Amino acid sequence: MGKVDYLTAWQEMIDFTKKRDQTTEDEFWICEHLPVFTLGTSLKNSILPIRGIRCINTDRGGKITYHGPGQLVGYPLMDLRKNNLYPKELLDLINRTVLSVMREFGIEGLLVPEAPGIYVSKPGGANQFFNLAKICSIGLKISNHSSYHGFALNVSADLEPFSYINPCGYEGLRIVNLNEIAQNATLESAKIVLVEKIKEQFREKRS
């Protein structure tokens, strides 16, 4: 999809999900977004721009995050019932997919209980994120047994906007890019690997 305005992508996801029936094939969209803060259903309290970057209240789970160029955003548009998937199993599939992408670049990702997303080791931090930084955010919406929204993997993004907010609702949570740890990682190389791993992980589940 390339670089897409967030509102445009969100509306297209809603339209796709509303129109789909039992014959509709699942799709997995990959894109970048123009700079935007998005608020999930547990933190709908602002529509005012933050330092010139607009805020959008959405219907996904979670709190607040930032999207911008240099992130790989993935949207699995799936019929969970047809695929015999529970929402937690879809989340597990997304986690495994992103973790396998990171391993291709020599990075071991980590999961944190009660804090969705994927993390990496990084000295510093505090509390449950001591010696951790977040590299991938995840937030889903399930409607009529179908999923939309998804994940955002930071590859080469401008991370400064994250300092304007409490990322995912956590004060002091540090954010990191893939190319900070794997210098050979580019948005294009990461996208190629992501497409490969999506095919592997999701085909394996459906076979």
Protein backbone atom coordinates (compact mmCIF):
# COMPACT_ATOMS: atom_id res chain seq x y z
CA MET A 1 0.00 0.00 0.00
CA GLY A 2 2.96 2.33 0.41
CA LYS A 3 2.55 5.52 2.46
CA VAL A 4 -1.11 5.98 3.38
CA ASP A 5 -3.01 8.55 5.44
CA TYR A 6 -4.18 6.87 8.65
CA LEU A 7 -7.84 7.89 8.34
CA THR A 8 -7.95 6.59 4.78
CA ALA A 9 -6.52 3.20 5.79
CA TRP A 10 -8.80 2.94 8.81
CA GLN A 11 -11.93 3.68 6.76
CA GLU A 12 -10.87 1.16 4.11
CA MET A 13 -10.40 -1.49 6.83
CA ILE A 14 -13.87 -0.78 8.22
CA ASP A 15 -15.43 -0.92 4.74
CA PHE A 16 -13.64 -4.17 3.91
CA THR A 17 -14.76 -5.76 7.18
CA LYS A 18 -18.39 -4.65 6.84
CA LYS A 19 -18.69 -5.89 3.26
CA ARG A 20 -16.96 -9.22 3.65
CA ASP A 21 -18.86 -12.50 3.67
CA GLN A 22 -17.93 -16.19 3.86
CA THR A 23 -16.45 -16.07 0.35
CA THR A 24 -14.18 -13.09 1.01
CA GLU A 25 -10.49 -13.93 1.03
CA ASP A 26 -8.42 -12.71 3.97
CA GLU A 27 -5.95 -9.94 3.27
CA PHE A 28 -2.85 -8.64 5.03
CA TRP A 29 -2.10 -4.98 4.35
CA ILE A 30 1.37 -3.50 4.85
CA CYS A 31 1.94 0.24 4.77
CA GLU A 32 3.49 3.33 6.33
CA HIS A 33 1.50 6.24 7.75
CA LEU A 34 1.98 9.97 7.74
CA PRO A 35 2.68 11.35 11.25
CA VAL A 36 -0.29 10.79 13.56
CA PHE A 37 -1.12 9.91 17.16
CA THR A 38 -3.85 7.29 17.56
CA LEU A 39 -5.84 6.69 20.72
CA GLY A 40 -7.42 3.33 21.54
CA THR A 41 -10.72 2.64 23.24
CA SER A 42 -9.23 2.84 26.74
CA LEU A 43 -7.91 6.39 26.25
CA LYS A 44 -10.32 8.51 24.22
CA ASN A 45 -9.74 11.92 25.71
CA SER A 46 -8.18 14.18 23.10
CA ILE A 47 -8.65 15.29 19.52
CA LEU A 48 -6.35 18.30 19.78
CA PRO A 49 -3.02 18.08 17.94
CA ILE A 50 0.08 17.39 20.01
CA ARG A 51 2.92 19.65 18.87
CA GLY A 52 1.33 19.96 15.47
CA ILE A 53 0.68 16.22 15.01
CA ARG A 54 -3.00 15.36 14.86
CA CYS A 55 -4.67 12.91 17.26
CA ILE A 56 -7.30 10.42 16.13
CA ASN A 57 -9.66 8.50 18.40
CA THR A 58 -9.95 4.96 17.05
CA ASP A 59 -11.87 1.75 17.76
CA ARG A 60 -8.81 -0.43 18.38
CA GLY A 61 -7.71 -1.68 21.76
CA GLY A 62 -5.00 -0.03 23.80
CA LYS A 63 -4.14 3.56 24.66
CA ILE A 64 -1.99 6.04 22.71
CA THR A 65 0.77 5.50 20.18
CA TYR A 66 2.48 7.27 17.31
CA HIS A 67 2.63 6.28 13.65
CA GLY A 68 4.93 7.82 11.08
CA PRO A 69 7.30 7.15 8.19
CA GLY A 70 9.90 4.51 8.95
CA GLN A 71 7.42 2.16 10.62
CA LEU A 72 6.18 -1.03 9.01
CA VAL A 73 2.47 -1.21 9.79
CA GLY A 74 0.69 -4.53 9.28
CA TYR A 75 -3.07 -5.02 9.21
CA PRO A 76 -4.36 -8.63 9.22
CA LEU A 77 -7.92 -8.58 7.87
CA MET A 78 -9.01 -12.06 8.81
CA ASP A 79 -12.17 -14.05 9.37
CA LEU A 80 -11.34 -15.65 12.70
CA ARG A 81 -14.23 -18.08 12.66
CA LYS A 82 -13.34 -19.40 9.20
CA ASN A 83 -9.72 -19.80 10.31
CA ASN A 84 -10.67 -21.42 13.65
CA LEU A 85 -8.82 -18.69 15.50
CA TYR A 86 -9.53 -17.06 18.83
CA PRO A 87 -8.38 -13.43 19.24
CA LYS A 88 -5.54 -14.51 21.53
CA GLU A 89 -4.36 -16.97 18.88
CA LEU A 90 -4.28 -14.17 16.31
CA LEU A 91 -2.23 -12.08 18.73
CA ASP A 92 0.14 -15.02 19.18
CA LEU A 93 0.48 -15.31 15.40
CA ILE A 94 1.34 -11.64 15.10
CA ASN A 95 3.89 -11.94 17.90
CA ARG A 96 5.53 -14.97 16.30
CA THR A 97 5.62 -13.25 12.92
CA VAL A 98 7.32 -10.10 14.17
CA LEU A 99 9.68 -12.04 16.43
CA SER A 100 10.76 -14.16 13.46
CA VAL A 101 11.39 -11.00 11.40
CA MET A 102 13.62 -9.65 14.16
CA ARG A 103 15.56 -12.91 14.38
CA GLU A 104 16.43 -12.59 10.69
CA PHE A 105 18.29 -9.42 11.69
CA GLY A 106 19.95 -11.09 14.66
CA ILE A 107 17.66 -9.54 17.28
CA GLU A 108 15.86 -11.47 19.99
CA GLY A 109 12.53 -9.88 20.81
CA LEU A 110 10.86 -10.18 24.19
CA LEU A 111 7.27 -10.27 25.45
CA VAL A 112 6.20 -8.58 28.68
CA PRO A 113 3.21 -9.94 30.66
CA GLU A 114 0.20 -7.61 30.62
CA ALA A 115 1.95 -5.19 28.23
CA PRO A 116 1.12 -6.12 24.62
CA GLY A 117 3.77 -5.54 21.99
CA ILE A 118 7.35 -6.63 21.48
CA TYR A 119 10.40 -5.40 23.37
CA VAL A 120 14.19 -5.64 23.21
CA SER A 121 16.89 -5.53 25.83
CA LYS A 122 18.28 -2.05 26.47
CA PRO A 123 20.11 -0.89 29.61
CA GLY A 124 18.17 1.52 31.80
CA GLY A 125 14.46 2.04 32.21
CA ALA A 126 12.41 1.34 35.29
CA ASN A 127 9.70 -0.81 36.84
CA GLN A 128 8.34 -3.54 34.54
CA PHE A 129 10.35 -2.08 31.66
CA PHE A 130 13.72 -2.15 33.44
CA ASN A 131 16.39 -2.93 30.83
CA LEU A 132 13.71 -2.98 28.12
CA ALA A 133 12.59 -0.79 25.22
CA LYS A 134 9.59 -1.26 22.95
CA ILE A 135 10.09 -1.92 19.26
CA CYS A 136 6.61 -2.99 18.11
CA SER A 137 3.12 -1.89 19.19
CA ILE A 138 0.03 -4.06 18.72
CA GLY A 139 -3.65 -3.15 18.86
CA LEU A 140 -6.54 -5.10 17.34
CA LYS A 141 -10.26 -4.76 16.73
CA ILE A 142 -12.56 -7.77 16.30
CA SER A 143 -15.96 -7.15 14.70
CA ASN A 144 -18.34 -9.91 13.58
CA HIS A 145 -15.55 -12.47 14.02
CA SER A 146 -13.27 -10.45 11.73
CA SER A 147 -10.07 -8.63 12.63
CA TYR A 148 -8.65 -5.29 11.63
CA HIS A 149 -6.01 -2.86 12.91
CA GLY A 150 -2.75 -4.63 13.72
CA PHE A 151 0.87 -3.80 14.56
CA ALA A 152 3.56 -1.19 13.94
CA LEU A 153 7.23 -2.24 13.86
CA ASN A 154 9.70 0.62 14.27
CA VAL A 155 12.44 0.23 11.67
CA SER A 156 13.88 3.67 10.92
CA ALA A 157 11.25 6.04 12.29
CA ASP A 158 11.71 9.47 13.85
CA LEU A 159 11.14 8.51 17.48
CA GLU A 160 10.95 12.01 18.94
CA PRO A 161 7.12 12.16 18.82
CA PHE A 162 7.00 9.24 21.27
CA SER A 163 8.60 11.57 23.83
CA TYR A 164 5.53 13.83 23.63
CA ILE A 165 3.26 11.09 25.03
CA ASN A 166 3.23 8.15 27.42
CA PRO A 167 3.61 5.43 24.77
CA CYS A 168 0.86 2.84 25.10
CA GLY A 169 -0.10 4.60 28.35
CA TYR A 170 3.21 3.87 30.14
CA GLU A 171 5.15 6.81 31.53
CA GLY A 172 8.84 6.61 30.69
CA LEU A 173 8.51 3.68 28.28
CA ARG A 174 11.43 3.89 25.87
CA ILE A 175 11.02 3.25 22.16
CA VAL A 176 13.64 1.86 19.81
CA ASN A 177 14.15 1.27 16.07
CA LEU A 178 15.21 -1.97 14.42
CA ASN A 179 18.08 -0.21 12.65
CA GLU A 180 19.50 1.03 15.96
CA ILE A 181 20.31 -2.58 16.83
CA ALA A 182 20.74 -4.10 13.36
CA GLN A 183 22.52 -1.53 11.23
CA ASN A 184 21.80 -3.54 8.08
CA ALA A 185 18.05 -3.16 8.60
CA THR A 186 16.24 -0.85 6.21
CA LEU A 187 12.54 -0.35 5.71
CA GLU A 188 12.67 -2.19 2.39
CA SER A 189 14.73 -5.14 3.67
CA ALA A 190 12.48 -5.48 6.71
CA LYS A 191 9.39 -5.39 4.50
CA ILE A 192 10.74 -8.19 2.32
CA VAL A 193 11.38 -10.35 5.38
CA LEU A 194 8.00 -9.45 6.90
CA VAL A 195 6.12 -10.56 3.79
CA GLU A 196 8.01 -13.86 3.84
CA LYS A 197 7.30 -14.46 7.53
CA ILE A 198 3.61 -13.56 7.19
CA LYS A 199 3.30 -16.23 4.50
CA GLU A 200 5.13 -18.77 6.65
CA GLN A 201 3.34 -18.16 9.94
CA PHE A 202 -0.19 -17.65 8.64
CA ARG A 203 -0.03 -20.44 6.05
CA GLU A 204 1.22 -22.82 8.75
CA LYS A 205 -1.73 -21.93 10.97
CA ARG A 206 -4.27 -22.36 8.18
CA SER A 207 -2.85 -25.59 6.73
